[in-house]
Amino acid sequence: MSSVIHSQFEINVLDVMKIQYKTRILFDYVQPCYTISYIRQGEVLTTSSEGEEYIASDGDVMIHRPNEPFNVISKTDGVHYLFNINAKVRDGVDFFKLFPLGKVIQIRDRDEYEKKFDELRSLWLQEEDDFRNVQVGSLVYFLLYEIVESTKLGGRRSSHDPPITDRFNEALQYMEDRLEQEITREELAKLYHMNPVYFSRAFQKIYKLTPMQMLRKLRLQHAKQMLESTDYTVEHISQKCGYYDASHFSRGFHSVYGKGPAEYRKSIKITKTNTSST
């Protein structure tokens, strides 16, 4: 007996993010895809499209469905690990309709889920190629498998040694925690007791970016998320993301996303309005 995997399961991975916040309030938020949001820390009140309310906390996954408005309210510090996907099986049937899951699911093995997500995020930040895409898809399959299995009674699996792509997760987290601060290559190298030049070469070998190029990428990703989900001014966002000159920030944002910050925010609002009215 043989199986052709790609004809049974097709996944399009759109984004992989870690989000940290002091408070988080989203009303009638709409995405054109599935958002799978794992709560690493915090407690959230969320709603379904039918208006039902759910409490999700540490170790829970929230599944937000495409084109369905939802609310997320948290008044405490939080950390979410999330990825956006479209998933189809059996000639285009929506995976989550074929295998309906609850709005909130408690993950059976938090350590394993978090470790695999860290590996996924690390791979996602690397330069795109066919092999990297296969690895990303495999890890998303794993996380979806864990979510499905967590709806059943099951034992915990033993841990595995961390893969090499986890090597610089501490540096990535260090950067993400200090996006508005000045960070140097030497400062990051000290985390690993490495020579800065050697650290930079080893880092670039994995991510195809230097540490400073990665810092810029993380800052712009965070700025994009803030433009989508907050009403902060462009000047405020530029400062929170380590840009002390709003015009420099605008040029950098435009070079990556093809639009300036203000234009990008306007396009997002138009998209949400059109989606909600259909």
C-alpha atoms as a PDB file:
ATOM      1  CA  MET A   1       0.000   0.000   0.000  1.00  0.00           C
ATOM      2  CA  SER A   2       1.320   3.457  -0.862  1.00  0.00           C
ATOM      3  CA  SER A   3       0.221   7.049  -0.186  1.00  0.00           C
ATOM      4  CA  VAL A   4       0.841  10.212  -2.193  1.00  0.00           C
ATOM      5  CA  ILE A   5       0.992  12.795   0.579  1.00  0.00           C
ATOM      6  CA  HIS A   6       0.650  15.993  -1.419  1.00  0.00           C
ATOM      7  CA  SER A   7      -2.668  14.861  -2.972  1.00  0.00           C
ATOM      8  CA  GLN A   8      -4.126  14.359   0.479  1.00  0.00           C
ATOM      9  CA  PHE A   9      -2.912  17.475   2.284  1.00  0.00           C
ATOM     10  CA  GLU A  10      -1.977  20.872   0.874  1.00  0.00           C
ATOM     11  CA  ILE A  11      -0.801  23.657   3.179  1.00  0.00           C
ATOM     12  CA  ASN A  12       0.063  27.239   2.370  1.00  0.00           C
ATOM     13  CA  VAL A  13       2.021  28.826   5.233  1.00  0.00           C
ATOM     14  CA  LEU A  14       1.580  32.613   5.219  1.00  0.00           C
ATOM     15  CA  ASP A  15       3.323  33.786   8.382  1.00  0.00           C
ATOM     16  CA  VAL A  16       4.960  32.562  11.585  1.00  0.00           C
ATOM     17  CA  MET A  17       5.211  35.001  14.494  1.00  0.00           C
ATOM     18  CA  LYS A  18       5.847  35.468  18.183  1.00  0.00           C
ATOM     19  CA  ILE A  19       3.771  38.285  19.677  1.00  0.00           C
ATOM     20  CA  GLN A  20       4.455  39.817  23.086  1.00  0.00           C
ATOM     21  CA  TYR A  21       2.185  42.407  24.672  1.00  0.00           C
ATOM     22  CA  LYS A  22       1.252  44.172  27.893  1.00  0.00           C
ATOM     23  CA  THR A  23      -2.427  44.153  26.973  1.00  0.00           C
ATOM     24  CA  ARG A  24      -4.093  42.944  23.782  1.00  0.00           C
ATOM     25  CA  ILE A  25      -7.515  44.058  22.563  1.00  0.00           C
ATOM     26  CA  LEU A  26      -8.810  43.193  19.091  1.00  0.00           C
ATOM     27  CA  PHE A  27     -12.446  43.783  18.153  1.00  0.00           C
ATOM     28  CA  ASP A  28     -14.045  42.316  15.031  1.00  0.00           C
ATOM     29  CA  TYR A  29     -10.640  41.300  13.699  1.00  0.00           C
ATOM     30  CA  VAL A  30     -10.771  39.450  10.393  1.00  0.00           C
ATOM     31  CA  GLN A  31      -8.125  37.406   8.613  1.00  0.00           C
ATOM     32  CA  PRO A  32      -8.425  35.836   5.138  1.00  0.00           C
ATOM     33  CA  CYS A  33      -6.784  32.655   6.480  1.00  0.00           C
ATOM     34  CA  TYR A  34      -6.657  30.406   9.536  1.00  0.00           C
ATOM     35  CA  THR A  35      -4.721  31.792  12.496  1.00  0.00           C
ATOM     36  CA  ILE A  36      -3.459  29.134  14.908  1.00  0.00           C
ATOM     37  CA  SER A  37      -2.497  30.995  18.091  1.00  0.00           C
ATOM     38  CA  TYR A  38      -0.790  29.169  20.972  1.00  0.00           C
ATOM     39  CA  ILE A  39      -0.722  30.958  24.316  1.00  0.00           C
ATOM     40  CA  ARG A  40       2.758  30.649  25.764  1.00  0.00           C
ATOM     41  CA  GLN A  41       1.838  33.051  28.559  1.00  0.00           C
ATOM     42  CA  GLY A  42      -1.292  34.922  29.527  1.00  0.00           C
ATOM     43  CA  GLU A  43      -5.055  34.612  29.678  1.00  0.00           C
ATOM     44  CA  VAL A  44      -7.363  35.676  26.862  1.00  0.00           C
ATOM     45  CA  LEU A  45     -11.100  36.100  26.414  1.00  0.00           C
ATOM     46  CA  THR A  46     -11.995  35.223  22.830  1.00  0.00           C
ATOM     47  CA  THR A  47     -15.231  34.801  20.909  1.00  0.00           C
ATOM     48  CA  SER A  48     -16.538  32.720  18.039  1.00  0.00           C
ATOM     49  CA  SER A  49     -18.474  34.077  15.063  1.00  0.00           C
ATOM     50  CA  GLU A  50     -21.655  32.966  16.861  1.00  0.00           C
ATOM     51  CA  GLY A  51     -20.792  35.219  19.802  1.00  0.00           C
ATOM     52  CA  GLU A  52     -19.865  32.407  22.206  1.00  0.00           C
ATOM     53  CA  GLU A  53     -17.131  33.349  24.686  1.00  0.00           C
ATOM     54  CA  TYR A  54     -14.116  31.236  25.605  1.00  0.00           C
ATOM     55  CA  ILE A  55     -11.256  31.636  28.072  1.00  0.00           C
ATOM     56  CA  ALA A  56      -7.857  30.530  26.793  1.00  0.00           C
ATOM     57  CA  SER A  57      -4.725  30.489  28.961  1.00  0.00           C
ATOM     58  CA  ASP A  58      -1.191  29.055  29.155  1.00  0.00           C
ATOM     59  CA  GLY A  59      -0.852  25.966  26.968  1.00  0.00           C
ATOM     60  CA  ASP A  60      -4.061  26.516  24.965  1.00  0.00           C
ATOM     61  CA  VAL A  61      -4.407  26.953  21.211  1.00  0.00           C
ATOM     62  CA  MET A  62      -7.018  29.286  19.738  1.00  0.00           C
ATOM     63  CA  ILE A  63      -8.179  28.622  16.173  1.00  0.00           C
ATOM     64  CA  HIS A  64      -9.451  31.703  14.360  1.00  0.00           C
ATOM     65  CA  ARG A  65     -11.218  30.893  11.095  1.00  0.00           C
ATOM     66  CA  PRO A  66     -10.899  32.860   7.857  1.00  0.00           C
ATOM     67  CA  ASN A  67     -13.277  35.724   7.077  1.00  0.00           C
ATOM     68  CA  GLU A  68     -15.032  35.372  10.441  1.00  0.00           C
ATOM     69  CA  PRO A  69     -14.718  38.356  12.832  1.00  0.00           C
ATOM     70  CA  PHE A  70     -13.424  37.516  16.307  1.00  0.00           C
ATOM     71  CA  ASN A  71     -12.494  39.352  19.479  1.00  0.00           C
ATOM     72  CA  VAL A  72      -9.394  38.849  21.617  1.00  0.00           C
ATOM     73  CA  ILE A  73      -9.173  40.632  24.958  1.00  0.00           C
ATOM     74  CA  SER A  74      -6.339  40.339  27.472  1.00  0.00           C
ATOM     75  CA  LYS A  75      -5.487  42.781  30.238  1.00  0.00           C
ATOM     76  CA  THR A  76      -2.342  40.980  31.389  1.00  0.00           C
ATOM     77  CA  ASP A  77       1.120  40.402  29.943  1.00  0.00           C
ATOM     78  CA  GLY A  78       1.107  37.744  27.272  1.00  0.00           C
ATOM     79  CA  VAL A  79       3.135  35.844  24.699  1.00  0.00           C
ATOM     80  CA  HIS A  80       1.521  34.129  21.708  1.00  0.00           C
ATOM     81  CA  TYR A  81       3.110  31.778  19.189  1.00  0.00           C
ATOM     82  CA  LEU A  82       1.042  31.869  16.023  1.00  0.00           C
ATOM     83  CA  PHE A  83       1.077  30.854  12.401  1.00  0.00           C
ATOM     84  CA  ASN A  84      -1.276  31.725   9.554  1.00  0.00           C
ATOM     85  CA  ILE A  85      -2.179  29.027   7.037  1.00  0.00           C
ATOM     86  CA  ASN A  86      -4.599  27.783   4.451  1.00  0.00           C
ATOM     87  CA  ALA A  87      -5.037  24.001   4.628  1.00  0.00           C
ATOM     88  CA  LYS A  88      -6.822  21.789   2.119  1.00  0.00           C
ATOM     89  CA  VAL A  89      -7.338  18.031   1.858  1.00  0.00           C
ATOM     90  CA  ARG A  90      -9.058  15.727  -0.602  1.00  0.00           C
ATOM     91  CA  ASP A  91      -9.355  17.840  -3.713  1.00  0.00           C
ATOM     92  CA  GLY A  92      -9.658  21.226  -2.059  1.00  0.00           C
ATOM     93  CA  VAL A  93     -11.831  20.438   0.972  1.00  0.00           C
ATOM     94  CA  ASP A  94     -11.022  22.698   3.927  1.00  0.00           C
ATOM     95  CA  PHE A  95      -9.026  20.707   6.511  1.00  0.00           C
ATOM     96  CA  PHE A  96     -10.794  22.277   9.483  1.00  0.00           C
ATOM     97  CA  LYS A  97     -14.220  21.514   8.037  1.00  0.00           C
ATOM     98  CA  LEU A  98     -13.317  17.904   7.383  1.00  0.00           C
ATOM     99  CA  PHE A  99     -11.820  17.628  10.885  1.00  0.00           C
ATOM    100  CA  PRO A 100     -13.786  20.171  12.957  1.00  0.00           C
ATOM    101  CA  LEU A 101     -11.956  21.235  16.112  1.00  0.00           C
ATOM    102  CA  GLY A 102     -13.006  23.386  19.020  1.00  0.00           C
ATOM    103  CA  LYS A 103     -12.298  27.092  19.286  1.00  0.00           C
ATOM    104  CA  VAL A 104      -9.851  26.494  22.166  1.00  0.00           C
ATOM    105  CA  ILE A 105      -7.765  23.342  22.589  1.00  0.00           C
ATOM    106  CA  GLN A 106      -5.426  22.470  25.460  1.00  0.00           C
ATOM    107  CA  ILE A 107      -2.140  21.126  24.113  1.00  0.00           C
ATOM    108  CA  ARG A 108      -1.189  17.782  25.624  1.00  0.00           C
ATOM    109  CA  ASP A 109       2.606  18.345  25.517  1.00  0.00           C
ATOM    110  CA  ARG A 110       3.523  21.991  25.857  1.00  0.00           C
ATOM    111  CA  ASP A 111       7.288  21.480  25.847  1.00  0.00           C
ATOM    112  CA  GLU A 112       7.203  19.542  22.592  1.00  0.00           C
ATOM    113  CA  TYR A 113       4.829  21.996  20.912  1.00  0.00           C
ATOM    114  CA  GLU A 114       6.918  25.013  21.943  1.00  0.00           C
ATOM    115  CA  LYS A 115      10.149  23.364  20.851  1.00  0.00           C
ATOM    116  CA  LYS A 116       8.749  22.519  17.422  1.00  0.00           C
ATOM    117  CA  PHE A 117       7.314  26.010  17.053  1.00  0.00           C
ATOM    118  CA  ASP A 118      10.720  27.520  17.856  1.00  0.00           C
ATOM    119  CA  GLU A 119      12.233  25.329  15.160  1.00  0.00           C
ATOM    120  CA  LEU A 120       9.496  26.402  12.734  1.00  0.00           C
ATOM    121  CA  ARG A 121      10.077  30.087  13.492  1.00  0.00           C
ATOM    122  CA  SER A 122      13.802  29.669  13.076  1.00  0.00           C
ATOM    123  CA  LEU A 123      13.337  28.027   9.672  1.00  0.00           C
ATOM    124  CA  TRP A 124      10.739  30.591   8.624  1.00  0.00           C
ATOM    125  CA  LEU A 125      13.258  33.379   9.077  1.00  0.00           C
ATOM    126  CA  GLN A 126      15.784  31.690   6.822  1.00  0.00           C
ATOM    127  CA  GLU A 127      16.098  32.439   3.125  1.00  0.00           C
ATOM    128  CA  GLU A 128      13.390  30.660   1.155  1.00  0.00           C
ATOM    129  CA  ASP A 129      14.299  27.631  -0.945  1.00  0.00           C
ATOM    130  CA  ASP A 130      12.699  24.272  -1.766  1.00  0.00           C
ATOM    131  CA  PHE A 131      14.365  22.366   1.075  1.00  0.00           C
ATOM    132  CA  ARG A 132      13.496  25.039   3.653  1.00  0.00           C
ATOM    133  CA  ASN A 133       9.884  25.005   2.397  1.00  0.00           C
ATOM    134  CA  VAL A 134       9.653  21.236   2.858  1.00  0.00           C
ATOM    135  CA  GLN A 135      10.975  21.584   6.415  1.00  0.00           C
ATOM    136  CA  VAL A 136       8.500  24.367   7.196  1.00  0.00           C
ATOM    137  CA  GLY A 137       5.619  22.289   5.843  1.00  0.00           C
ATOM    138  CA  SER A 138       6.685  19.240   7.846  1.00  0.00           C
ATOM    139  CA  LEU A 139       6.769  21.231  11.090  1.00  0.00           C
ATOM    140  CA  VAL A 140       3.349  22.749  10.423  1.00  0.00           C
ATOM    141  CA  TYR A 141       2.043  19.205   9.822  1.00  0.00           C
ATOM    142  CA  PHE A 142       3.529  18.208  13.176  1.00  0.00           C
ATOM    143  CA  LEU A 143       1.901  21.120  15.027  1.00  0.00           C
ATOM    144  CA  LEU A 144      -1.466  20.389  13.434  1.00  0.00           C
ATOM    145  CA  TYR A 145      -1.055  16.725  14.372  1.00  0.00           C
ATOM    146  CA  GLU A 146      -0.376  17.731  17.983  1.00  0.00           C
ATOM    147  CA  ILE A 147      -3.477  19.915  17.985  1.00  0.00           C
ATOM    148  CA  VAL A 148      -5.650  17.113  16.615  1.00  0.00           C
ATOM    149  CA  GLU A 149      -4.183  14.554  19.021  1.00  0.00           C
ATOM    150  CA  SER A 150      -4.651  16.945  21.932  1.00  0.00           C
ATOM    151  CA  THR A 151      -8.410  16.640  21.439  1.00  0.00           C
ATOM    152  CA  LYS A 152      -8.061  12.961  22.375  1.00  0.00           C
ATOM    153  CA  LEU A 153      -6.747  11.205  25.440  1.00  0.00           C
ATOM    154  CA  GLY A 154      -3.060  10.474  24.903  1.00  0.00           C
ATOM    155  CA  GLY A 155       0.264  10.148  26.683  1.00  0.00           C
ATOM    156  CA  ARG A 156       3.211  12.511  26.527  1.00  0.00           C
ATOM    157  CA  ARG A 157       6.038  11.787  24.141  1.00  0.00           C
ATOM    158  CA  SER A 158       9.653  11.920  25.067  1.00  0.00           C
ATOM    159  CA  SER A 159      11.718  14.947  24.119  1.00  0.00           C
ATOM    160  CA  HIS A 160      14.309  14.943  21.380  1.00  0.00           C
ATOM    161  CA  ASP A 161      17.589  16.753  21.129  1.00  0.00           C
ATOM    162  CA  PRO A 162      17.127  20.283  19.785  1.00  0.00           C
ATOM    163  CA  PRO A 163      17.968  20.611  16.082  1.00  0.00           C
ATOM    164  CA  ILE A 164      20.791  22.802  14.861  1.00  0.00           C
ATOM    165  CA  THR A 165      18.295  25.441  13.742  1.00  0.00           C
ATOM    166  CA  ASP A 166      17.634  26.116  17.438  1.00  0.00           C
ATOM    167  CA  ARG A 167      21.236  27.200  17.952  1.00  0.00           C
ATOM    168  CA  PHE A 168      20.612  30.942  17.914  1.00  0.00           C
ATOM    169  CA  ASN A 169      17.068  31.056  19.336  1.00  0.00           C
ATOM    170  CA  GLU A 170      18.415  32.878  22.394  1.00  0.00           C
ATOM    171  CA  ALA A 171      19.821  35.607  20.152  1.00  0.00           C
ATOM    172  CA  LEU A 172      16.509  35.894  18.277  1.00  0.00           C
ATOM    173  CA  GLN A 173      14.610  36.168  21.552  1.00  0.00           C
ATOM    174  CA  TYR A 174      17.120  38.711  22.858  1.00  0.00           C
ATOM    175  CA  MET A 175      16.524  40.869  19.791  1.00  0.00           C
ATOM    176  CA  GLU A 176      12.737  40.500  19.956  1.00  0.00           C
ATOM    177  CA  ASP A 177      12.729  41.557  23.613  1.00  0.00           C
ATOM    178  CA  ARG A 178      14.727  44.721  22.848  1.00  0.00           C
ATOM    179  CA  LEU A 179      13.521  45.922  19.459  1.00  0.00           C
ATOM    180  CA  GLU A 180      13.401  49.560  20.558  1.00  0.00           C
ATOM    181  CA  GLN A 181      16.940  49.460  21.975  1.00  0.00           C
ATOM    182  CA  GLU A 182      20.293  49.757  20.262  1.00  0.00           C
ATOM    183  CA  ILE A 183      21.780  46.272  19.863  1.00  0.00           C
ATOM    184  CA  THR A 184      25.239  45.430  18.557  1.00  0.00           C
ATOM    185  CA  ARG A 185      26.727  42.318  17.026  1.00  0.00           C
ATOM    186  CA  GLU A 186      29.235  42.219  19.889  1.00  0.00           C
ATOM    187  CA  GLU A 187      26.406  42.237  22.424  1.00  0.00           C
ATOM    188  CA  LEU A 188      24.747  39.241  20.747  1.00  0.00           C
ATOM    189  CA  ALA A 189      28.029  37.348  20.422  1.00  0.00           C
ATOM    190  CA  LYS A 190      28.557  37.623  24.193  1.00  0.00           C
ATOM    191  CA  LEU A 191      25.436  35.517  24.738  1.00  0.00           C
ATOM    192  CA  TYR A 192      27.363  32.591  23.254  1.00  0.00           C
ATOM    193  CA  HIS A 193      30.864  33.565  24.415  1.00  0.00           C
ATOM    194  CA  MET A 194      31.847  33.766  20.749  1.00  0.00           C
ATOM    195  CA  ASN A 195      34.089  36.054  18.753  1.00  0.00           C
ATOM    196  CA  PRO A 196      31.755  38.588  17.016  1.00  0.00           C
ATOM    197  CA  VAL A 197      33.108  37.817  13.562  1.00  0.00           C
ATOM    198  CA  TYR A 198      32.745  34.054  14.030  1.00  0.00           C
ATOM    199  CA  PHE A 199      29.280  34.510  15.587  1.00  0.00           C
ATOM    200  CA  SER A 200      28.150  36.592  12.618  1.00  0.00           C
ATOM    201  CA  ARG A 201      29.411  33.998  10.127  1.00  0.00           C
ATOM    202  CA  ALA A 202      27.753  31.110  12.000  1.00  0.00           C
ATOM    203  CA  PHE A 203      24.483  33.041  12.296  1.00  0.00           C
ATOM    204  CA  GLN A 204      24.507  33.976   8.610  1.00  0.00           C
ATOM    205  CA  LYS A 205      25.168  30.370   7.608  1.00  0.00           C
ATOM    206  CA  ILE A 206      21.786  29.394   9.107  1.00  0.00           C
ATOM    207  CA  TYR A 207      19.641  32.418   8.252  1.00  0.00           C
ATOM    208  CA  LYS A 208      21.375  33.818   5.152  1.00  0.00           C
ATOM    209  CA  LEU A 209      21.246  37.147   6.992  1.00  0.00           C
ATOM    210  CA  THR A 210      23.747  38.828   9.289  1.00  0.00           C
ATOM    211  CA  PRO A 211      22.588  39.432  12.885  1.00  0.00           C
ATOM    212  CA  MET A 212      22.019  43.119  12.118  1.00  0.00           C
ATOM    213  CA  GLN A 213      20.032  42.298   8.980  1.00  0.00           C
ATOM    214  CA  MET A 214      17.914  39.920  11.072  1.00  0.00           C
ATOM    215  CA  LEU A 215      17.351  42.644  13.669  1.00  0.00           C
ATOM    216  CA  ARG A 216      16.075  44.940  10.921  1.00  0.00           C
ATOM    217  CA  LYS A 217      13.780  42.172   9.639  1.00  0.00           C
ATOM    218  CA  LEU A 218      12.323  41.537  13.115  1.00  0.00           C
ATOM    219  CA  ARG A 219      11.790  45.266  13.676  1.00  0.00           C
ATOM    220  CA  LEU A 220       9.897  45.640  10.416  1.00  0.00           C
ATOM    221  CA  GLN A 221       7.810  42.522  11.099  1.00  0.00           C
ATOM    222  CA  HIS A 222       6.849  43.929  14.497  1.00  0.00           C
ATOM    223  CA  ALA A 223       6.061  47.302  12.933  1.00  0.00           C
ATOM    224  CA  LYS A 224       3.807  45.575  10.387  1.00  0.00           C
ATOM    225  CA  GLN A 225       1.935  43.793  13.187  1.00  0.00           C
ATOM    226  CA  MET A 226       1.503  47.062  15.117  1.00  0.00           C
ATOM    227  CA  LEU A 227       0.187  48.837  12.023  1.00  0.00           C
ATOM    228  CA  GLU A 228      -2.363  46.040  11.571  1.00  0.00           C
ATOM    229  CA  SER A 229      -3.592  45.781  15.155  1.00  0.00           C
ATOM    230  CA  THR A 230      -3.045  49.149  16.891  1.00  0.00           C
ATOM    231  CA  ASP A 231      -3.874  52.801  16.321  1.00  0.00           C
ATOM    232  CA  TYR A 232      -0.450  54.082  17.348  1.00  0.00           C
ATOM    233  CA  THR A 233       1.014  56.804  15.176  1.00  0.00           C
ATOM    234  CA  VAL A 234       3.705  55.956  12.658  1.00  0.00           C
ATOM    235  CA  GLU A 235       6.158  58.013  14.717  1.00  0.00           C
ATOM    236  CA  HIS A 236       5.353  56.023  17.874  1.00  0.00           C
ATOM    237  CA  ILE A 237       5.667  52.691  16.050  1.00  0.00           C
ATOM    238  CA  SER A 238       8.972  53.722  14.519  1.00  0.00           C
ATOM    239  CA  GLN A 239      10.367  54.460  17.991  1.00  0.00           C
ATOM    240  CA  LYS A 240       9.003  51.220  19.512  1.00  0.00           C
ATOM    241  CA  CYS A 241      10.732  49.317  16.708  1.00  0.00           C
ATOM    242  CA  GLY A 242      14.108  50.971  17.153  1.00  0.00           C
ATOM    243  CA  TYR A 243      13.830  53.675  14.496  1.00  0.00           C
ATOM    244  CA  TYR A 244      14.454  57.113  15.954  1.00  0.00           C
ATOM    245  CA  ASP A 245      13.819  58.771  12.588  1.00  0.00           C
ATOM    246  CA  ALA A 246      10.286  58.202  11.205  1.00  0.00           C
ATOM    247  CA  SER A 247      11.365  58.980   7.642  1.00  0.00           C
ATOM    248  CA  HIS A 248      14.137  56.358   7.843  1.00  0.00           C
ATOM    249  CA  PHE A 249      11.571  53.871   9.147  1.00  0.00           C
ATOM    250  CA  SER A 250       9.151  54.717   6.321  1.00  0.00           C
ATOM    251  CA  ARG A 251      11.824  54.178   3.679  1.00  0.00           C
ATOM    252  CA  GLY A 252      12.854  50.854   5.193  1.00  0.00           C
ATOM    253  CA  PHE A 253       9.242  49.672   5.477  1.00  0.00           C
ATOM    254  CA  HIS A 254       8.494  50.642   1.873  1.00  0.00           C
ATOM    255  CA  SER A 255      11.575  48.821   0.592  1.00  0.00           C
ATOM    256  CA  VAL A 256      10.342  45.548   2.125  1.00  0.00           C
ATOM    257  CA  TYR A 257       6.538  45.734   1.848  1.00  0.00           C
ATOM    258  CA  GLY A 258       6.158  47.922  -1.240  1.00  0.00           C
ATOM    259  CA  LYS A 259       4.124  50.545   0.615  1.00  0.00           C
ATOM    260  CA  GLY A 260       4.842  53.179   3.214  1.00  0.00           C
ATOM    261  CA  PRO A 261       3.513  52.569   6.765  1.00  0.00           C
ATOM    262  CA  ALA A 262       0.523  54.928   6.405  1.00  0.00           C
ATOM    263  CA  GLU A 263      -0.422  53.522   3.003  1.00  0.00           C
ATOM    264  CA  TYR A 264      -0.078  49.943   4.288  1.00  0.00           C
ATOM    265  CA  ARG A 265      -2.345  50.638   7.295  1.00  0.00           C
ATOM    266  CA  LYS A 266      -4.946  52.214   5.014  1.00  0.00           C
ATOM    267  CA  SER A 267      -4.913  49.166   2.715  1.00  0.00           C
ATOM    268  CA  ILE A 268      -5.420  46.830   5.685  1.00  0.00           C
ATOM    269  CA  LYS A 269      -8.437  48.827   6.901  1.00  0.00           C
ATOM    270  CA  ILE A 270      -9.958  48.751   3.411  1.00  0.00           C
ATOM    271  CA  THR A 271      -9.433  44.989   3.188  1.00  0.00           C
ATOM    272  CA  LYS A 272     -11.080  44.415   6.584  1.00  0.00           C
ATOM    273  CA  THR A 273     -14.031  46.646   5.661  1.00  0.00           C
ATOM    274  CA  ASN A 274     -14.591  44.851   2.350  1.00  0.00           C
ATOM    275  CA  THR A 275     -14.274  41.418   3.996  1.00  0.00           C
ATOM    276  CA  SER A 276     -16.736  42.283   6.790  1.00  0.00           C
ATOM    277  CA  SER A 277     -19.320  43.580   4.315  1.00  0.00           C
ATOM    278  CA  THR A 278     -19.342  40.475   2.130  1.00  0.00           C
END
